[in-house]
Protein backbone atom coordinates (compact mmCIF):
# COMPACT_ATOMS: atom_id res chain seq x y z
CA UNK A 1 -30.75 37.86 31.10
CA UNK A 2 -27.60 38.98 32.46
CA UNK A 3 -25.14 36.71 33.70
CA UNK A 4 -25.60 35.75 37.78
CA UNK A 5 -22.54 36.95 40.20
CA UNK A 6 -19.96 34.69 40.19
CA UNK A 7 -19.85 33.98 44.32
CA UNK A 8 -22.84 32.33 43.35
CA UNK A 9 -21.85 29.93 41.29
CA UNK A 10 -22.23 30.94 37.94
CA UNK A 11 -19.28 31.43 36.00
CA UNK A 12 -18.07 32.80 32.66
CA UNK A 13 -19.82 35.91 30.38
CA UNK A 14 -20.68 33.87 27.38
CA UNK A 15 -24.41 34.53 26.08
CA UNK A 16 -26.83 33.36 23.46
CA UNK A 17 -29.40 35.69 22.62
CA UNK A 18 -29.23 37.08 26.30
CA UNK A 19 -28.20 33.62 28.35
CA UNK A 20 -25.01 32.55 29.25
CA UNK A 21 -24.11 29.31 29.06
CA UNK A 22 -23.10 28.70 32.41
CA UNK A 23 -26.22 30.17 34.08
CA UNK A 24 -28.24 27.75 31.75
CA UNK A 25 -26.20 25.09 32.58
CA UNK A 26 -26.66 25.89 36.52
CA UNK A 27 -30.51 26.19 35.85
CA UNK A 28 -31.05 22.56 34.15
CA UNK A 29 -28.92 21.09 37.11
CA UNK A 30 -30.25 23.21 39.92
CA UNK A 31 -30.14 26.50 42.19
CA UNK A 32 -27.98 26.39 45.64
CA UNK A 33 -25.16 24.84 44.79
CA UNK A 34 -25.35 24.55 41.17
CA UNK A 35 -21.75 26.14 41.29
CA UNK A 36 -20.46 23.22 42.44
CA UNK A 37 -22.45 20.81 40.23
CA UNK A 38 -21.44 22.92 37.18
CA UNK A 39 -17.77 22.73 38.20
CA UNK A 40 -18.51 18.80 38.55
CA UNK A 41 -20.35 18.40 35.18
CA UNK A 42 -17.11 20.31 33.42
CA UNK A 43 -14.56 18.56 34.99
CA UNK A 44 -16.34 15.50 33.69
CA UNK A 45 -17.08 16.81 30.51
CA UNK A 46 -12.71 17.06 29.94
CA UNK A 47 -12.22 13.91 31.33
CA UNK A 48 -14.41 11.80 29.03
CA UNK A 49 -12.75 14.22 26.06
CA UNK A 50 -9.20 13.64 27.31
CA UNK A 51 -10.63 9.67 27.12
CA UNK A 52 -12.11 9.91 24.14
CA UNK A 53 -9.09 11.62 22.20
CA UNK A 54 -6.27 9.42 23.20
CA UNK A 55 -6.88 5.39 22.08
CA UNK A 56 -3.95 4.73 24.70
CA UNK A 57 -5.58 6.18 27.60
CA UNK A 58 -8.99 4.89 26.62
CA UNK A 59 -7.74 1.74 26.88
CA UNK A 60 -5.89 2.22 30.14
CA UNK A 61 -8.91 3.79 31.74
CA UNK A 62 -11.23 0.54 30.46
CA UNK A 63 -8.78 -1.73 31.86
CA UNK A 64 -8.56 0.41 34.62
CA UNK A 65 -12.19 0.47 35.82
CA UNK A 66 -13.31 -2.58 33.98
CA UNK A 67 -10.41 -5.01 35.42
CA UNK A 68 -8.10 -3.37 38.07
CA UNK A 69 -10.84 -1.93 40.61
CA UNK A 70 -13.08 -4.48 39.99
CA UNK A 71 -10.99 -7.15 41.12
CA UNK A 72 -9.20 -5.37 43.65
CA UNK A 73 -12.49 -4.37 45.55
CA UNK A 74 -13.42 -7.89 45.68
CA UNK A 75 -10.85 -9.76 46.54
CA UNK A 76 -10.55 -6.87 49.59
CA UNK A 77 -14.40 -7.84 50.73
CA UNK A 78 -14.39 -11.35 50.02
CA UNK A 79 -10.60 -12.55 50.85
CA UNK A 80 -8.70 -9.63 52.65
CA UNK A 81 -6.26 -7.37 52.67
CA UNK A 82 -3.38 -9.03 51.56
CA UNK A 83 -4.94 -10.81 48.32
CA UNK A 84 -6.35 -7.61 47.27
CA UNK A 85 -3.04 -5.98 47.76
CA UNK A 86 -1.67 -8.90 45.34
CA UNK A 87 -4.24 -8.25 42.88
CA UNK A 88 -3.71 -4.63 42.57
CA UNK A 89 -0.25 -4.78 41.92
CA UNK A 90 -0.41 -7.64 39.48
CA UNK A 91 -3.62 -5.87 37.38
CA UNK A 92 -1.97 -2.57 37.86
CA UNK A 93 1.18 -3.51 36.46
CA UNK A 94 -0.18 -5.64 34.11
CA UNK A 95 -2.26 -2.80 33.08
CA UNK A 96 1.13 -0.52 32.63
CA UNK A 97 3.03 -2.94 31.25
CA UNK A 98 0.31 -3.85 28.45
CA UNK A 99 -0.88 -0.63 27.66
CA UNK A 100 1.99 1.39 28.30
CA UNK A 101 5.31 0.38 28.67
CA UNK A 102 5.70 -1.79 25.15
CA UNK A 103 4.90 1.80 23.67
CA UNK A 104 7.28 3.51 25.46
CA UNK A 105 9.81 0.90 25.20
CA UNK A 106 9.22 1.11 21.40
CA UNK A 107 9.86 4.95 21.41
CA UNK A 108 13.09 4.49 23.03
CA UNK A 109 13.87 1.64 20.57
CA UNK A 110 13.31 4.17 17.84
CA UNK A 111 15.64 6.89 19.62
CA UNK A 112 18.28 4.49 19.34
CA UNK A 113 18.05 2.99 15.98
CA UNK A 114 18.56 6.54 14.86
CA UNK A 115 22.27 6.41 15.37
CA UNK A 116 25.52 6.33 13.72
CA UNK A 117 25.56 2.56 14.22
CA UNK A 118 22.42 1.42 14.36
CA UNK A 119 20.95 3.83 11.45
CA UNK A 120 23.94 3.99 8.84
CA UNK A 121 21.13 4.51 6.08
CA UNK A 122 19.69 6.98 8.05
CA UNK A 123 16.32 6.21 7.21
CA UNK A 124 13.39 7.71 9.14
CA UNK A 125 12.71 4.90 11.55
CA UNK A 126 9.15 7.06 12.91
CA UNK A 127 7.83 6.74 9.36
CA UNK A 128 6.50 3.44 9.93
CA UNK A 129 5.13 0.89 6.96
CA UNK A 130 3.60 -2.33 8.06
CA UNK A 131 4.83 -5.68 6.66
CA UNK A 132 1.77 -6.44 4.45
CA UNK A 133 1.38 -2.34 3.46
CA UNK A 134 5.63 -3.17 2.20
CA UNK A 135 5.12 -6.29 0.67
CA UNK A 136 2.19 -5.17 -1.68
CA UNK A 137 3.63 -1.70 -2.25
CA UNK A 138 6.97 -3.70 -3.06
CA UNK A 139 4.96 -5.96 -5.76
CA UNK A 140 3.96 -2.76 -7.26
CA UNK A 141 7.64 -1.68 -7.95
CA UNK A 142 8.83 -5.09 -8.95
CA UNK A 143 6.09 -4.87 -11.18
CA UNK A 144 6.94 -1.77 -12.79
CA UNK A 145 10.47 -2.63 -13.24
CA UNK A 146 9.73 -4.98 -15.43
CA UNK A 147 8.55 -2.01 -17.94
CA UNK A 148 10.73 -0.61 -20.72
CA UNK A 149 8.62 2.39 -21.14
CA UNK A 150 10.08 3.91 -17.88
CA UNK A 151 13.10 6.29 -18.86
CA UNK A 152 13.46 8.62 -16.43
CA UNK A 153 13.28 9.25 -12.54
CA UNK A 154 10.26 11.33 -12.72
CA UNK A 155 8.72 8.22 -14.84
CA UNK A 156 9.52 5.94 -11.91
CA UNK A 157 7.73 8.38 -9.41
CA UNK A 158 4.51 8.74 -11.19
CA UNK A 159 4.23 4.90 -12.20
CA UNK A 160 4.52 4.08 -8.70
CA UNK A 161 2.37 6.83 -7.65
CA UNK A 162 -0.17 5.60 -10.19
CA UNK A 163 0.18 2.15 -9.67
CA UNK A 164 -0.53 2.34 -5.97
CA UNK A 165 -3.05 5.04 -5.81
CA UNK A 166 -4.67 3.62 -8.61
CA UNK A 167 -4.97 0.31 -7.03
CA UNK A 168 -7.09 1.47 -3.89
CA UNK A 169 -10.91 0.34 -4.35
CA UNK A 170 -13.86 1.07 -1.92
CA UNK A 171 -15.42 -1.62 0.02
CA UNK A 172 -18.71 -0.56 0.06
CA UNK A 173 -20.02 -2.19 -3.13
CA UNK A 174 -22.16 1.15 -3.54
CA UNK A 175 -20.28 1.58 -6.78
CA UNK A 176 -21.73 -1.98 -8.39
CA UNK A 177 -25.54 -0.90 -7.96
CA UNK A 178 -27.10 0.14 -11.48
CA UNK A 179 -27.63 3.53 -10.41
CA UNK A 180 -25.01 4.65 -9.59
CA UNK A 181 -22.09 3.18 -11.91
CA UNK A 182 -22.08 6.54 -13.91
CA UNK A 183 -21.26 8.32 -10.93
CA UNK A 184 -18.62 6.15 -9.25
CA UNK A 185 -16.56 3.11 -10.48
CA UNK A 186 -14.92 1.99 -7.01
CA UNK A 187 -11.80 3.46 -7.97
CA UNK A 188 -10.15 6.57 -8.70
CA UNK A 189 -11.52 8.60 -12.06
CA UNK A 190 -8.03 9.11 -14.56
CA UNK A 191 -8.60 13.14 -13.92
CA UNK A 192 -8.64 12.49 -10.13
CA UNK A 193 -6.04 10.06 -10.23
CA UNK A 194 -3.64 12.40 -12.00
CA UNK A 195 -4.30 15.15 -9.19
CA UNK A 196 -4.02 12.94 -6.84
CA UNK A 197 -0.13 12.03 -8.19
CA UNK A 198 0.65 15.58 -8.47
CA UNK A 199 -0.13 16.42 -5.00
CA UNK A 200 2.02 13.62 -3.71
CA UNK A 201 4.91 15.25 -5.97
CA UNK A 202 3.95 18.68 -4.79
CA UNK A 203 3.53 20.22 -7.78
CA UNK A 204 0.22 20.86 -7.46
CA UNK A 205 -0.69 24.55 -6.67
CA UNK A 206 -1.29 24.72 -2.75
CA UNK A 207 0.76 21.25 -1.88
CA UNK A 208 3.90 22.78 -2.91
CA UNK A 209 5.03 23.85 0.98
CA UNK A 210 3.42 20.47 2.21
CA UNK A 211 5.96 17.92 0.21
CA UNK A 212 9.53 18.11 -0.98
CA UNK A 213 11.84 15.72 -2.00
CA UNK A 214 14.30 14.80 1.03
CA UNK A 215 16.95 14.09 -1.24
CA UNK A 216 16.91 16.85 -2.83
CA UNK A 217 16.56 18.82 0.48
CA UNK A 218 20.08 17.23 1.60
CA UNK A 219 21.82 17.91 -1.59
CA UNK A 220 21.25 21.37 -1.35
CA UNK A 221 21.88 22.03 2.49
CA UNK A 222 25.66 19.92 2.09
CA UNK A 223 26.20 22.86 -0.31
CA UNK A 224 25.66 25.39 2.46
CA UNK A 225 28.83 27.05 3.54
CA UNK A 226 28.89 25.64 6.76
CA UNK A 227 28.99 22.15 6.19
CA UNK A 228 31.34 22.23 3.91
CA UNK A 229 33.74 24.46 5.90
CA UNK A 230 33.07 21.17 8.12
CA UNK A 231 34.41 18.86 5.72
CA UNK A 232 37.58 20.82 5.40
CA UNK A 233 38.09 21.69 9.46
CA UNK A 234 37.74 17.42 9.76
CA UNK A 235 40.25 17.01 6.59
CA UNK A 236 42.72 19.50 8.06
CA UNK A 237 42.45 17.71 11.72
CA UNK A 238 43.60 14.56 9.81
CA UNK A 239 46.58 15.72 8.49
CA UNK A 240 47.56 17.60 11.13
CA UNK A 241 47.05 14.01 13.72
CA UNK A 242 48.85 12.91 10.48
CA UNK A 243 51.89 15.07 10.75
CA UNK A 244 51.90 15.09 14.24
CA UNK A 245 52.28 11.26 14.69
CA UNK A 246 55.45 11.65 12.43
CA UNK A 247 56.47 14.44 14.26
CA UNK A 248 56.18 16.63 11.89
CA UNK A 249 59.25 15.46 9.36
CA UNK A 250 59.41 16.28 5.43
CA UNK A 251 57.32 13.59 4.46
CA UNK A 252 58.23 10.82 1.78
CA UNK A 253 56.40 9.97 -1.48
CA UNK A 254 54.68 6.78 0.22
CA UNK A 255 53.74 8.95 3.40
CA UNK A 256 52.17 11.83 0.83
CA UNK A 257 50.12 8.91 -0.42
CA UNK A 258 48.73 7.62 3.05
CA UNK A 259 48.58 11.54 4.40
CA UNK A 260 46.14 11.94 1.27
CA UNK A 261 44.18 8.79 1.78
CA UNK A 262 43.65 9.74 5.29
CA UNK A 263 42.26 13.07 4.48
CA UNK A 264 39.97 11.80 1.57
CA UNK A 265 38.54 9.04 4.34
CA UNK A 266 37.93 11.90 6.81
CA UNK A 267 35.92 13.76 4.27
CA UNK A 268 34.06 10.65 3.54
CA UNK A 269 33.17 9.82 6.74
CA UNK A 270 32.35 13.91 7.70
CA UNK A 271 30.21 13.92 4.53
CA UNK A 272 28.31 10.46 5.60
CA UNK A 273 27.54 11.78 8.94
CA UNK A 274 25.96 15.04 7.71
CA UNK A 275 24.35 13.45 5.14
CA UNK A 276 22.69 10.87 7.59
CA UNK A 277 21.61 13.63 10.13
CA UNK A 278 20.64 16.07 7.54
CA UNK A 279 18.53 13.38 6.13
CA UNK A 280 16.63 12.62 9.66
CA UNK A 281 16.12 15.97 10.27
CA UNK A 282 14.57 16.54 6.89
CA UNK A 283 12.28 13.45 7.18
CA UNK A 284 11.19 15.03 10.74
CA UNK A 285 10.82 18.30 9.06
CA UNK A 286 8.35 16.70 5.95
CA UNK A 287 6.62 14.42 8.66
CA UNK A 288 5.60 17.75 10.45
CA UNK A 289 3.26 18.72 7.07
CA UNK A 290 2.21 14.72 7.17
CA UNK A 291 -1.58 15.61 9.24
CA UNK A 292 -1.85 19.19 6.74
CA UNK A 293 -1.18 17.09 3.59
CA UNK A 294 -2.90 13.87 4.66
CA UNK A 295 -6.02 15.51 5.49
CA UNK A 296 -6.28 17.62 2.34
CA UNK A 297 -5.65 14.39 0.28
CA UNK A 298 -8.24 12.28 2.24
CA UNK A 299 -11.15 15.01 1.98
CA UNK A 300 -10.02 14.86 -1.92
CA UNK A 301 -10.07 11.08 -2.10
CA UNK A 302 -13.26 10.92 -0.58
CA UNK A 303 -15.35 14.03 -1.75
CA UNK A 304 -13.66 14.02 -5.69
CA UNK A 305 -13.04 10.69 -5.99
CA UNK A 306 -15.84 9.22 -4.66
CA UNK A 307 -13.83 6.43 -2.41
CA UNK A 308 -15.05 4.93 0.70
CA UNK A 309 -13.19 5.77 4.01
CA UNK A 310 -12.17 1.68 3.92
CA UNK A 311 -10.39 0.60 0.68
CA UNK A 312 -9.41 -2.44 -0.61
CA UNK A 313 -5.57 -2.61 -2.11
CA UNK A 314 -5.96 -4.57 -5.07
CA UNK A 315 -3.79 -6.93 -7.14
CA UNK A 316 -4.10 -8.87 -10.08
CA UNK A 317 -3.68 -12.76 -10.33
CA UNK A 318 -2.48 -14.62 -13.08
CA UNK A 319 -5.38 -14.72 -15.41
CA UNK A 320 -6.15 -10.98 -14.58
CA UNK A 321 -8.74 -11.46 -12.02
CA UNK A 322 -8.82 -8.45 -9.51
CA UNK A 323 -7.76 -9.82 -5.84
CA UNK A 324 -6.92 -8.14 -3.15
CA UNK A 325 -3.53 -8.24 -1.87
CA UNK A 326 -4.23 -6.27 1.91
CA UNK A 327 -7.16 -6.64 3.79
CA UNK A 328 -9.69 -3.88 4.62
CA UNK A 329 -7.79 -0.78 5.68
CA UNK A 330 -8.54 2.62 6.39
CA UNK A 331 -8.01 4.87 3.51
CA UNK A 332 -6.01 7.52 5.29
CA UNK A 333 -3.49 4.60 6.36
CA UNK A 334 -2.77 3.55 2.99
CA UNK A 335 -2.43 7.37 1.91
CA UNK A 336 0.08 7.85 4.75
CA UNK A 337 2.14 4.53 4.07
CA UNK A 338 2.23 5.38 -0.04
CA UNK A 339 3.53 8.29 0.76
CA UNK A 340 6.39 6.72 3.15
CA UNK A 341 7.26 4.02 0.69
CA UNK A 342 7.69 7.01 -2.20
CA UNK A 343 10.28 8.79 0.35
CA UNK A 344 12.30 5.30 0.28
CA UNK A 345 12.26 5.53 -3.60
CA UNK A 346 13.33 9.01 -3.51
CA UNK A 347 16.18 7.95 -1.30
CA UNK A 348 17.10 4.97 -3.57
CA UNK A 349 16.58 7.77 -6.83
CA UNK A 350 19.76 9.95 -5.48
CA UNK A 351 21.88 10.38 -8.39
CA UNK A 352 19.65 9.08 -10.91
CA UNK A 353 18.25 12.08 -12.15
CA UNK A 354 20.26 12.80 -15.30
CA UNK A 355 19.75 9.10 -16.13
CA UNK A 356 18.23 6.71 -14.76
CA UNK A 357 19.95 3.20 -14.64
CA UNK A 358 16.64 0.92 -13.38
CA UNK A 359 18.99 -1.49 -11.71
CA UNK A 360 20.83 0.00 -9.90
CA UNK A 361 17.57 1.55 -8.40
CA UNK A 362 16.62 -1.95 -7.93
CA UNK A 363 19.55 -3.13 -6.12
CA UNK A 364 19.51 -0.27 -4.48
CA UNK A 365 15.41 -1.13 -2.76
CA UNK A 366 15.82 -5.02 -2.92
CA UNK A 367 19.38 -5.92 -2.82
CA UNK A 368 20.55 -8.55 -0.60
CA UNK A 369 23.48 -8.64 1.56
CA UNK A 370 26.58 -10.18 -0.34
CA UNK A 371 27.47 -13.62 0.91
CA UNK A 372 31.26 -12.42 2.01
CA UNK A 373 29.24 -9.01 3.61
CA UNK A 374 27.37 -11.67 6.54
CA UNK A 375 29.49 -14.18 8.06
CA UNK A 376 26.40 -16.36 10.04
CA UNK A 377 23.11 -16.63 9.47
CA UNK A 378 21.85 -13.87 12.43
CA UNK A 379 23.85 -11.59 9.98
CA UNK A 380 22.05 -12.37 7.11
CA UNK A 381 18.78 -12.63 8.01
CA UNK A 382 18.31 -10.30 11.46
CA UNK A 383 20.74 -7.68 11.47
CA UNK A 384 20.48 -4.24 9.29
CA UNK A 385 23.74 -3.67 7.14
CA UNK A 386 24.47 -0.90 5.23
CA UNK A 387 25.55 -2.94 1.88
CA UNK A 388 21.71 -4.19 1.57
CA UNK A 389 19.21 -2.60 -0.38
CA UNK A 390 16.73 -0.10 1.50
CA UNK A 391 13.75 -2.84 1.71
CA UNK A 392 15.75 -5.62 3.38
CA UNK A 393 17.36 -2.70 5.71
CA UNK A 394 14.14 -1.49 6.95
CA UNK A 395 12.52 -4.88 7.41
CA UNK A 396 15.61 -6.31 9.69
CA UNK A 397 15.22 -2.79 11.70
CA UNK A 398 11.07 -2.96 12.08
CA UNK A 399 12.05 -6.50 13.83
CA UNK A 400 14.21 -4.90 16.32
CA UNK A 401 11.87 -2.33 16.63
CA UNK A 402 9.24 -4.86 17.75
CA UNK A 403 11.06 -7.53 19.30
CA UNK A 404 12.97 -5.60 21.48
CA UNK A 405 10.24 -3.72 23.12
CA UNK A 406 7.93 -6.65 23.45
CA UNK A 407 10.57 -9.01 24.79
CA UNK A 408 11.74 -6.09 27.60
CA UNK A 409 7.55 -5.90 28.20
CA UNK A 410 7.41 -9.51 28.68
CA UNK A 411 10.75 -9.84 31.32
CA UNK A 412 9.70 -7.09 33.21
CA UNK A 413 6.13 -8.25 33.47
CA UNK A 414 7.63 -11.61 34.70
CA UNK A 415 9.69 -9.73 37.10
CA UNK A 416 6.43 -7.98 38.47
CA UNK A 417 5.59 -11.14 39.72
CA UNK A 418 8.33 -11.99 41.65
CA UNK A 419 8.62 -8.44 43.42
CA UNK A 420 5.15 -9.09 44.26
CA UNK A 421 5.39 -12.35 45.76
CA UNK A 422 8.31 -11.09 47.78
CA UNK A 423 6.57 -7.99 49.26
CA UNK A 424 3.96 -10.43 50.65
CA UNK A 425 6.82 -12.85 52.34
CA UNK A 426 8.51 -9.53 53.74
CA UNK A 427 4.94 -9.27 55.69
CA UNK A 428 3.70 -12.83 56.26
CA UNK A 429 7.20 -15.02 55.71
CA UNK A 430 5.45 -17.38 53.36
CA UNK A 431 6.78 -19.21 50.38
CA UNK A 432 5.01 -20.30 47.59
CA UNK A 433 2.22 -17.85 46.83
CA UNK A 434 2.31 -16.38 49.94
CA UNK A 435 -1.07 -14.58 49.59
CA UNK A 436 -2.92 -17.51 49.24
CA UNK A 437 -0.79 -18.80 52.30
CA UNK A 438 -1.78 -16.09 54.63
CA UNK A 439 -5.27 -16.32 53.79
CA UNK A 440 -5.34 -20.16 54.34
CA UNK A 441 -3.24 -19.76 57.76
CA UNK A 442 -5.60 -16.79 58.82
CA UNK A 443 -9.31 -18.41 58.19
CA UNK A 444 -10.04 -15.97 55.35
CA UNK A 445 -9.28 -12.57 56.67
CA UNK A 446 -6.32 -10.16 56.76
């Protein structure tokens, strides 16, 4: 069957065994106005696909269709226009505030926390690790630091990945059934675990381009001529400013020492800025490959590792009884966050490749702010500081990334109530709950 004339409402020329798909759809819907019906079907399908593919849009649509529109309609029919307008304004601003605004503010907070002052360590704040997972992975590292067999940076990386990935356990309990015990044991077999560790380190064939050490990439780029030239320019500018301040007079020995210190300070600041910016850029580049990487390792642990999609992160109690340190989670979520925790470990291992100092690495990860570095409780408990370890620094930053959007969204939500009442006052001259007052004064209809 050849495709019909597009003017009759049948579109497209894709044919399957002689029948065009649009023609078939139109014949099922009905002839005559089939083109219009088919267009509406396509539009409806596109809308549903959008809602299904984005959880945020799905949540907003559910709230709109289940709360905003029905409540507004009932208020309009039963009580009048002014209560209906107040209901619509209250409900729609609630939808925006609860569903979208906190997320938008969170994105803005992440952007603000990537600045020089707010993020001096240059960590990638978009690489999120929730607090329970961060605590569990930190406990793995703390256990490893107590071992004597860790002698190199590579040993430490492998030990962390092996321990963290090896603690993932299936939740389906199929592996406990007698007939399946020879097929799987609920955790990754040793061969598959070693393969997965090499994938996370970028040393497995096919994963070399998906995984790289951010700190090594930063170190390599800082040796490029353009970055070294920037350092020289900063030192020259510092010298020029110093000499200009002294009127370009010959320098005494003491002034020469001061000039050297000024030039070295300019060098340190420039190198620090370069390192921070490059670390963020390389982290962003690594994150671009994260989805492809996670897709591949996810398929591997499901198909080859025989794990279920939902897993426990297991720990050991004092007597060696396995217990879950994190509740049921999707295994893909664990894989992503273990990878991000490994990137934090790489950050702490800078300068440790030649000779590993476990105490120094542990301090870089978990070191607390010195008492002289904090003048009050606020600085010690809530304010991120460059002098503390990566984990406390990240935890404090996460407090603000969560707290600020929630506070701002809540404040704006309260102001929406005030604005709503103010708009009604303009129309009715009411004082308290103007919609209700206008309703009572009119006997129920507006």
